[in-house]
Amino acid sequence: MLIVAIAWIYVVLLMALTEPTVVAGCMTFLLYCALPLGIVFYITGGGRRKRRRAREATARAAEEAPPP
């Protein structure tokens, strides 16, 4: 997944460099690259966040449990 994201950043960066103005290049990069990749990484990271929360909850419960 990461290699696809890096390739997409490269492609969009080249697209942005060919824009006639700096503002158009920045908007191209933000709207075709940064925003979509941010959304995709947020959606695909949901499982990781859920597993991390569960792991932290079990660690917290293990710390709070009285010793046998």
PDB file of N, CA and C in Angstrom:
ATOM      1  N   MET A   1       0.828  -1.188   0.000  1.00  0.00           N
ATOM      2  CA  MET A   1       0.000   0.000   0.000  1.00  0.00           C
ATOM      3  C   MET A   1       0.869   1.248   0.000  1.00  0.00           C
ATOM      4  N   LEU A   2       1.961   1.205   0.748  1.00  0.00           N
ATOM      5  CA  LEU A   2       2.823   2.372   0.842  1.00  0.00           C
ATOM      6  C   LEU A   2       3.506   2.677  -0.491  1.00  0.00           C
ATOM      7  N   ILE A   3       3.902   1.654  -1.228  1.00  0.00           N
ATOM      8  CA  ILE A   3       4.560   1.882  -2.517  1.00  0.00           C
ATOM      9  C   ILE A   3       3.597   2.517  -3.510  1.00  0.00           C
ATOM     10  N   VAL A   4       2.325   2.156  -3.440  1.00  0.00           N
ATOM     11  CA  VAL A   4       1.318   2.763  -4.314  1.00  0.00           C
ATOM     12  C   VAL A   4       1.139   4.233  -3.953  1.00  0.00           C
ATOM     13  N   ALA A   5       1.134   4.537  -2.676  1.00  0.00           N
ATOM     14  CA  ALA A   5       0.993   5.922  -2.240  1.00  0.00           C
ATOM     15  C   ALA A   5       2.191   6.758  -2.689  1.00  0.00           C
ATOM     16  N   ILE A   6       3.382   6.200  -2.570  1.00  0.00           N
ATOM     17  CA  ILE A   6       4.576   6.927  -3.001  1.00  0.00           C
ATOM     18  C   ILE A   6       4.549   7.165  -4.506  1.00  0.00           C
ATOM     19  N   ALA A   7       4.135   6.173  -5.259  1.00  0.00           N
ATOM     20  CA  ALA A   7       4.022   6.332  -6.710  1.00  0.00           C
ATOM     21  C   ALA A   7       2.978   7.394  -7.057  1.00  0.00           C
ATOM     22  N   TRP A   8       1.862   7.402  -6.341  1.00  0.00           N
ATOM     23  CA  TRP A   8       0.817   8.392  -6.601  1.00  0.00           C
ATOM     24  C   TRP A   8       1.315   9.802  -6.279  1.00  0.00           C
ATOM     25  N   ILE A   9       2.060   9.946  -5.192  1.00  0.00           N
ATOM     26  CA  ILE A   9       2.628  11.251  -4.853  1.00  0.00           C
ATOM     27  C   ILE A   9       3.563  11.715  -5.966  1.00  0.00           C
ATOM     28  N   TYR A  10       4.365  10.821  -6.497  1.00  0.00           N
ATOM     29  CA  TYR A  10       5.282  11.163  -7.581  1.00  0.00           C
ATOM     30  C   TYR A  10       4.525  11.617  -8.820  1.00  0.00           C
ATOM     31  N   VAL A  11       3.498  10.877  -9.193  1.00  0.00           N
ATOM     32  CA  VAL A  11       2.712  11.219 -10.380  1.00  0.00           C
ATOM     33  C   VAL A  11       2.042  12.580 -10.211  1.00  0.00           C
ATOM     34  N   VAL A  12       1.442  12.803  -9.073  1.00  0.00           N
ATOM     35  CA  VAL A  12       0.745  14.069  -8.849  1.00  0.00           C
ATOM     36  C   VAL A  12       1.738  15.217  -8.739  1.00  0.00           C
ATOM     37  N   LEU A  13       2.896  14.971  -8.174  1.00  0.00           N
ATOM     38  CA  LEU A  13       3.918  16.009  -8.111  1.00  0.00           C
ATOM     39  C   LEU A  13       4.339  16.426  -9.513  1.00  0.00           C
ATOM     40  N   LEU A  14       4.518  15.463 -10.405  1.00  0.00           N
ATOM     41  CA  LEU A  14       4.851  15.800 -11.789  1.00  0.00           C
ATOM     42  C   LEU A  14       3.707  16.543 -12.464  1.00  0.00           C
ATOM     43  N   MET A  15       2.460  16.161 -12.162  1.00  0.00           N
ATOM     44  CA  MET A  15       1.312  16.898 -12.708  1.00  0.00           C
ATOM     45  C   MET A  15       1.311  18.339 -12.204  1.00  0.00           C
ATOM     46  N   ALA A  16       1.603  18.512 -10.916  1.00  0.00           N
ATOM     47  CA  ALA A  16       1.592  19.848 -10.331  1.00  0.00           C
ATOM     48  C   ALA A  16       2.703  20.715 -10.915  1.00  0.00           C
ATOM     49  N   LEU A  17       3.826  20.115 -11.215  1.00  0.00           N
ATOM     50  CA  LEU A  17       4.933  20.886 -11.788  1.00  0.00           C
ATOM     51  C   LEU A  17       4.627  21.389 -13.189  1.00  0.00           C
ATOM     52  N   THR A  18       3.720  20.753 -13.891  1.00  0.00           N
ATOM     53  CA  THR A  18       3.396  21.181 -15.250  1.00  0.00           C
ATOM     54  C   THR A  18       2.282  22.221 -15.292  1.00  0.00           C
ATOM     55  N   GLU A  19       1.718  22.564 -14.161  1.00  0.00           N
ATOM     56  CA  GLU A  19       0.665  23.579 -14.132  1.00  0.00           C
ATOM     57  C   GLU A  19       1.255  24.944 -14.472  1.00  0.00           C
ATOM     58  N   PRO A  20       0.443  25.816 -15.077  1.00  0.00           N
ATOM     59  CA  PRO A  20       0.978  27.115 -15.515  1.00  0.00           C
ATOM     60  C   PRO A  20       1.304  28.083 -14.374  1.00  0.00           C
ATOM     61  N   THR A  21       0.629  27.983 -13.242  1.00  0.00           N
ATOM     62  CA  THR A  21       0.911  28.892 -12.133  1.00  0.00           C
ATOM     63  C   THR A  21       1.220  28.087 -10.871  1.00  0.00           C
ATOM     64  N   VAL A  22       1.857  28.759  -9.924  1.00  0.00           N
ATOM     65  CA  VAL A  22       2.200  28.110  -8.663  1.00  0.00           C
ATOM     66  C   VAL A  22       0.940  27.763  -7.884  1.00  0.00           C
ATOM     67  N   VAL A  23      -0.043  28.652  -7.915  1.00  0.00           N
ATOM     68  CA  VAL A  23      -1.294  28.401  -7.198  1.00  0.00           C
ATOM     69  C   VAL A  23      -1.996  27.174  -7.773  1.00  0.00           C
ATOM     70  N   ALA A  24      -2.043  27.063  -9.072  1.00  0.00           N
ATOM     71  CA  ALA A  24      -2.670  25.900  -9.706  1.00  0.00           C
ATOM     72  C   ALA A  24      -1.901  24.628  -9.356  1.00  0.00           C
ATOM     73  N   GLY A  25      -0.575  24.709  -9.309  1.00  0.00           N
ATOM     74  CA  GLY A  25       0.224  23.546  -8.938  1.00  0.00           C
ATOM     75  C   GLY A  25      -0.022  23.117  -7.507  1.00  0.00           C
ATOM     76  N   CYS A  26      -0.101  24.090  -6.609  1.00  0.00           N
ATOM     77  CA  CYS A  26      -0.381  23.761  -5.200  1.00  0.00           C
ATOM     78  C   CYS A  26      -1.769  23.162  -5.047  1.00  0.00           C
ATOM     79  N   MET A  27      -2.748  23.728  -5.715  1.00  0.00           N
ATOM     80  CA  MET A  27      -4.114  23.198  -5.633  1.00  0.00           C
ATOM     81  C   MET A  27      -4.187  21.796  -6.232  1.00  0.00           C
ATOM     82  N   THR A  28      -3.492  21.572  -7.327  1.00  0.00           N
ATOM     83  CA  THR A  28      -3.457  20.238  -7.928  1.00  0.00           C
ATOM     84  C   THR A  28      -2.878  19.237  -6.939  1.00  0.00           C
ATOM     85  N   PHE A  29      -1.759  19.601  -6.306  1.00  0.00           N
ATOM     86  CA  PHE A  29      -1.135  18.676  -5.368  1.00  0.00           C
ATOM     87  C   PHE A  29      -2.028  18.412  -4.170  1.00  0.00           C
ATOM     88  N   LEU A  30      -2.635  19.456  -3.626  1.00  0.00           N
ATOM     89  CA  LEU A  30      -3.482  19.287  -2.449  1.00  0.00           C
ATOM     90  C   LEU A  30      -4.751  18.499  -2.758  1.00  0.00           C
ATOM     91  N   LEU A  31      -5.402  18.826  -3.869  1.00  0.00           N
ATOM     92  CA  LEU A  31      -6.698  18.211  -4.160  1.00  0.00           C
ATOM     93  C   LEU A  31      -6.601  16.833  -4.808  1.00  0.00           C
ATOM     94  N   TYR A  32      -5.486  16.553  -5.492  1.00  0.00           N
ATOM     95  CA  TYR A  32      -5.329  15.239  -6.114  1.00  0.00           C
ATOM     96  C   TYR A  32      -4.457  14.292  -5.301  1.00  0.00           C
ATOM     97  N   CYS A  33      -3.716  14.823  -4.330  1.00  0.00           N
ATOM     98  CA  CYS A  33      -2.769  13.980  -3.612  1.00  0.00           C
ATOM     99  C   CYS A  33      -2.994  14.001  -2.107  1.00  0.00           C
ATOM    100  N   ALA A  34      -2.807  15.137  -1.497  1.00  0.00           N
ATOM    101  CA  ALA A  34      -2.812  15.201  -0.034  1.00  0.00           C
ATOM    102  C   ALA A  34      -4.180  14.846   0.542  1.00  0.00           C
ATOM    103  N   LEU A  35      -5.219  15.430   0.042  1.00  0.00           N
ATOM    104  CA  LEU A  35      -6.558  15.165   0.564  1.00  0.00           C
ATOM    105  C   LEU A  35      -7.000  13.715   0.321  1.00  0.00           C
ATOM    106  N   PRO A  36      -6.935  13.201  -0.906  1.00  0.00           N
ATOM    107  CA  PRO A  36      -7.351  11.804  -1.105  1.00  0.00           C
ATOM    108  C   PRO A  36      -6.504  10.787  -0.340  1.00  0.00           C
ATOM    109  N   LEU A  37      -5.189  10.987  -0.307  1.00  0.00           N
ATOM    110  CA  LEU A  37      -4.355  10.039   0.426  1.00  0.00           C
ATOM    111  C   LEU A  37      -4.621  10.112   1.923  1.00  0.00           C
ATOM    112  N   GLY A  38      -4.882  11.295   2.425  1.00  0.00           N
ATOM    113  CA  GLY A  38      -5.231  11.425   3.835  1.00  0.00           C
ATOM    114  C   GLY A  38      -6.501  10.669   4.173  1.00  0.00           C
ATOM    115  N   ILE A  39      -7.497  10.772   3.311  1.00  0.00           N
ATOM    116  CA  ILE A  39      -8.761  10.061   3.527  1.00  0.00           C
ATOM    117  C   ILE A  39      -8.550   8.547   3.437  1.00  0.00           C
ATOM    118  N   VAL A  40      -7.800   8.110   2.441  1.00  0.00           N
ATOM    119  CA  VAL A  40      -7.559   6.666   2.271  1.00  0.00           C
ATOM    120  C   VAL A  40      -6.796   6.105   3.459  1.00  0.00           C
ATOM    121  N   PHE A  41      -5.747   6.805   3.911  1.00  0.00           N
ATOM    122  CA  PHE A  41      -4.985   6.310   5.057  1.00  0.00           C
ATOM    123  C   PHE A  41      -5.806   6.342   6.333  1.00  0.00           C
ATOM    124  N   TYR A  42      -6.692   7.303   6.470  1.00  0.00           N
ATOM    125  CA  TYR A  42      -7.554   7.341   7.653  1.00  0.00           C
ATOM    126  C   TYR A  42      -8.515   6.146   7.656  1.00  0.00           C
ATOM    127  N   ILE A  43      -9.114   5.867   6.505  1.00  0.00           N
ATOM    128  CA  ILE A  43     -10.076   4.759   6.413  1.00  0.00           C
ATOM    129  C   ILE A  43      -9.378   3.416   6.603  1.00  0.00           C
ATOM    130  N   THR A  44      -8.240   3.224   5.955  1.00  0.00           N
ATOM    131  CA  THR A  44      -7.552   1.934   6.059  1.00  0.00           C
ATOM    132  C   THR A  44      -6.864   1.752   7.404  1.00  0.00           C
ATOM    133  N   GLY A  45      -6.663   2.821   8.151  1.00  0.00           N
ATOM    134  CA  GLY A  45      -6.023   2.708   9.458  1.00  0.00           C
ATOM    135  C   GLY A  45      -6.995   2.432  10.583  1.00  0.00           C
ATOM    136  N   GLY A  46      -8.281   2.306  10.291  1.00  0.00           N
ATOM    137  CA  GLY A  46      -9.291   2.082  11.323  1.00  0.00           C
ATOM    138  C   GLY A  46      -9.076   0.800  12.103  1.00  0.00           C
ATOM    139  N   GLY A  47      -8.719  -0.272  11.430  1.00  0.00           N
ATOM    140  CA  GLY A  47      -8.474  -1.544  12.098  1.00  0.00           C
ATOM    141  C   GLY A  47      -7.276  -1.474  13.022  1.00  0.00           C
ATOM    142  N   ARG A  48      -6.218  -0.783  12.550  1.00  0.00           N
ATOM    143  CA  ARG A  48      -5.030  -0.638  13.385  1.00  0.00           C
ATOM    144  C   ARG A  48      -5.340   0.162  14.643  1.00  0.00           C
ATOM    145  N   ARG A  49      -6.122   1.228  14.506  1.00  0.00           N
ATOM    146  CA  ARG A  49      -6.476   2.033  15.674  1.00  0.00           C
ATOM    147  C   ARG A  49      -7.305   1.219  16.658  1.00  0.00           C
ATOM    148  N   LYS A  50      -8.224   0.411  16.138  1.00  0.00           N
ATOM    149  CA  LYS A  50      -9.070  -0.413  17.002  1.00  0.00           C
ATOM    150  C   LYS A  50      -8.241  -1.452  17.751  1.00  0.00           C
ATOM    151  N   ARG A  51      -7.315  -2.109  17.055  1.00  0.00           N
ATOM    152  CA  ARG A  51      -6.451  -3.098  17.708  1.00  0.00           C
ATOM    153  C   ARG A  51      -5.545  -2.443  18.745  1.00  0.00           C
ATOM    154  N   ARG A  52      -5.027  -1.257  18.452  1.00  0.00           N
ATOM    155  CA  ARG A  52      -4.169  -0.570  19.416  1.00  0.00           C
ATOM    156  C   ARG A  52      -4.949  -0.192  20.665  1.00  0.00           C
ATOM    157  N   ARG A  53      -6.194   0.305  20.482  1.00  0.00           N
ATOM    158  CA  ARG A  53      -7.026   0.639  21.643  1.00  0.00           C
ATOM    159  C   ARG A  53      -7.296  -0.592  22.493  1.00  0.00           C
ATOM    160  N   ALA A  54      -7.583  -1.726  21.852  1.00  0.00           N
ATOM    161  CA  ALA A  54      -7.851  -2.960  22.597  1.00  0.00           C
ATOM    162  C   ALA A  54      -6.598  -3.429  23.329  1.00  0.00           C
ATOM    163  N   ARG A  55      -5.441  -3.327  22.680  1.00  0.00           N
ATOM    164  CA  ARG A  55      -4.185  -3.731  23.311  1.00  0.00           C
ATOM    165  C   ARG A  55      -3.873  -2.836  24.509  1.00  0.00           C
ATOM    166  N   GLU A  56      -4.115  -1.528  24.374  1.00  0.00           N
ATOM    167  CA  GLU A  56      -3.889  -0.617  25.498  1.00  0.00           C
ATOM    168  C   GLU A  56      -4.858  -0.891  26.639  1.00  0.00           C
ATOM    169  N   ALA A  57      -6.107  -1.245  26.307  1.00  0.00           N
ATOM    170  CA  ALA A  57      -7.096  -1.547  27.349  1.00  0.00           C
ATOM    171  C   ALA A  57      -6.709  -2.800  28.118  1.00  0.00           C
ATOM    172  N   THR A  58      -6.226  -3.829  27.420  1.00  0.00           N
ATOM    173  CA  THR A  58      -5.817  -5.048  28.120  1.00  0.00           C
ATOM    174  C   THR A  58      -4.572  -4.798  28.961  1.00  0.00           C
ATOM    175  N   ALA A  59      -3.658  -3.972  28.472  1.00  0.00           N
ATOM    176  CA  ALA A  59      -2.460  -3.652  29.252  1.00  0.00           C
ATOM    177  C   ALA A  59      -2.846  -2.862  30.499  1.00  0.00           C
ATOM    178  N   ARG A  60      -3.769  -1.931  30.337  1.00  0.00           N
ATOM    179  CA  ARG A  60      -4.240  -1.136  31.480  1.00  0.00           C
ATOM    180  C   ARG A  60      -4.942  -2.037  32.493  1.00  0.00           C
ATOM    181  N   ALA A  61      -5.754  -2.988  32.011  1.00  0.00           N
ATOM    182  CA  ALA A  61      -6.461  -3.909  32.907  1.00  0.00           C
ATOM    183  C   ALA A  61      -5.478  -4.824  33.631  1.00  0.00           C
ATOM    184  N   ALA A  62      -4.404  -5.217  32.937  1.00  0.00           N
ATOM    185  CA  ALA A  62      -3.413  -6.077  33.567  1.00  0.00           C
ATOM    186  C   ALA A  62      -2.641  -5.312  34.655  1.00  0.00           C
ATOM    187  N   GLU A  63      -2.421  -4.035  34.435  1.00  0.00           N
ATOM    188  CA  GLU A  63      -1.727  -3.224  35.444  1.00  0.00           C
ATOM    189  C   GLU A  63      -2.595  -2.998  36.664  1.00  0.00           C
ATOM    190  N   GLU A  64      -3.898  -2.835  36.464  1.00  0.00           N
ATOM    191  CA  GLU A  64      -4.816  -2.549  37.551  1.00  0.00           C
ATOM    192  C   GLU A  64      -5.240  -3.782  38.335  1.00  0.00           C
ATOM    193  N   ALA A  65      -5.044  -4.954  37.739  1.00  0.00           N
ATOM    194  CA  ALA A  65      -5.460  -6.194  38.417  1.00  0.00           C
ATOM    195  C   ALA A  65      -4.555  -6.450  39.609  1.00  0.00           C
ATOM    196  N   PRO A  66      -5.151  -6.905  40.716  1.00  0.00           N
ATOM    197  CA  PRO A  66      -4.318  -7.203  41.888  1.00  0.00           C
ATOM    198  C   PRO A  66      -3.458  -8.437  41.635  1.00  0.00           C
ATOM    199  N   PRO A  67      -2.290  -8.481  42.211  1.00  0.00           N
ATOM    200  CA  PRO A  67      -1.426  -9.662  42.013  1.00  0.00           C
ATOM    201  C   PRO A  67      -2.041 -10.887  42.695  1.00  0.00           C
ATOM    202  N   PRO A  68      -1.833 -12.066  42.135  1.00  0.00           N
ATOM    203  CA  PRO A  68      -2.436 -13.282  42.707  1.00  0.00           C
ATOM    204  C   PRO A  68      -1.820 -13.714  43.999  1.00  0.00           C
TER     205      PRO A  68
END
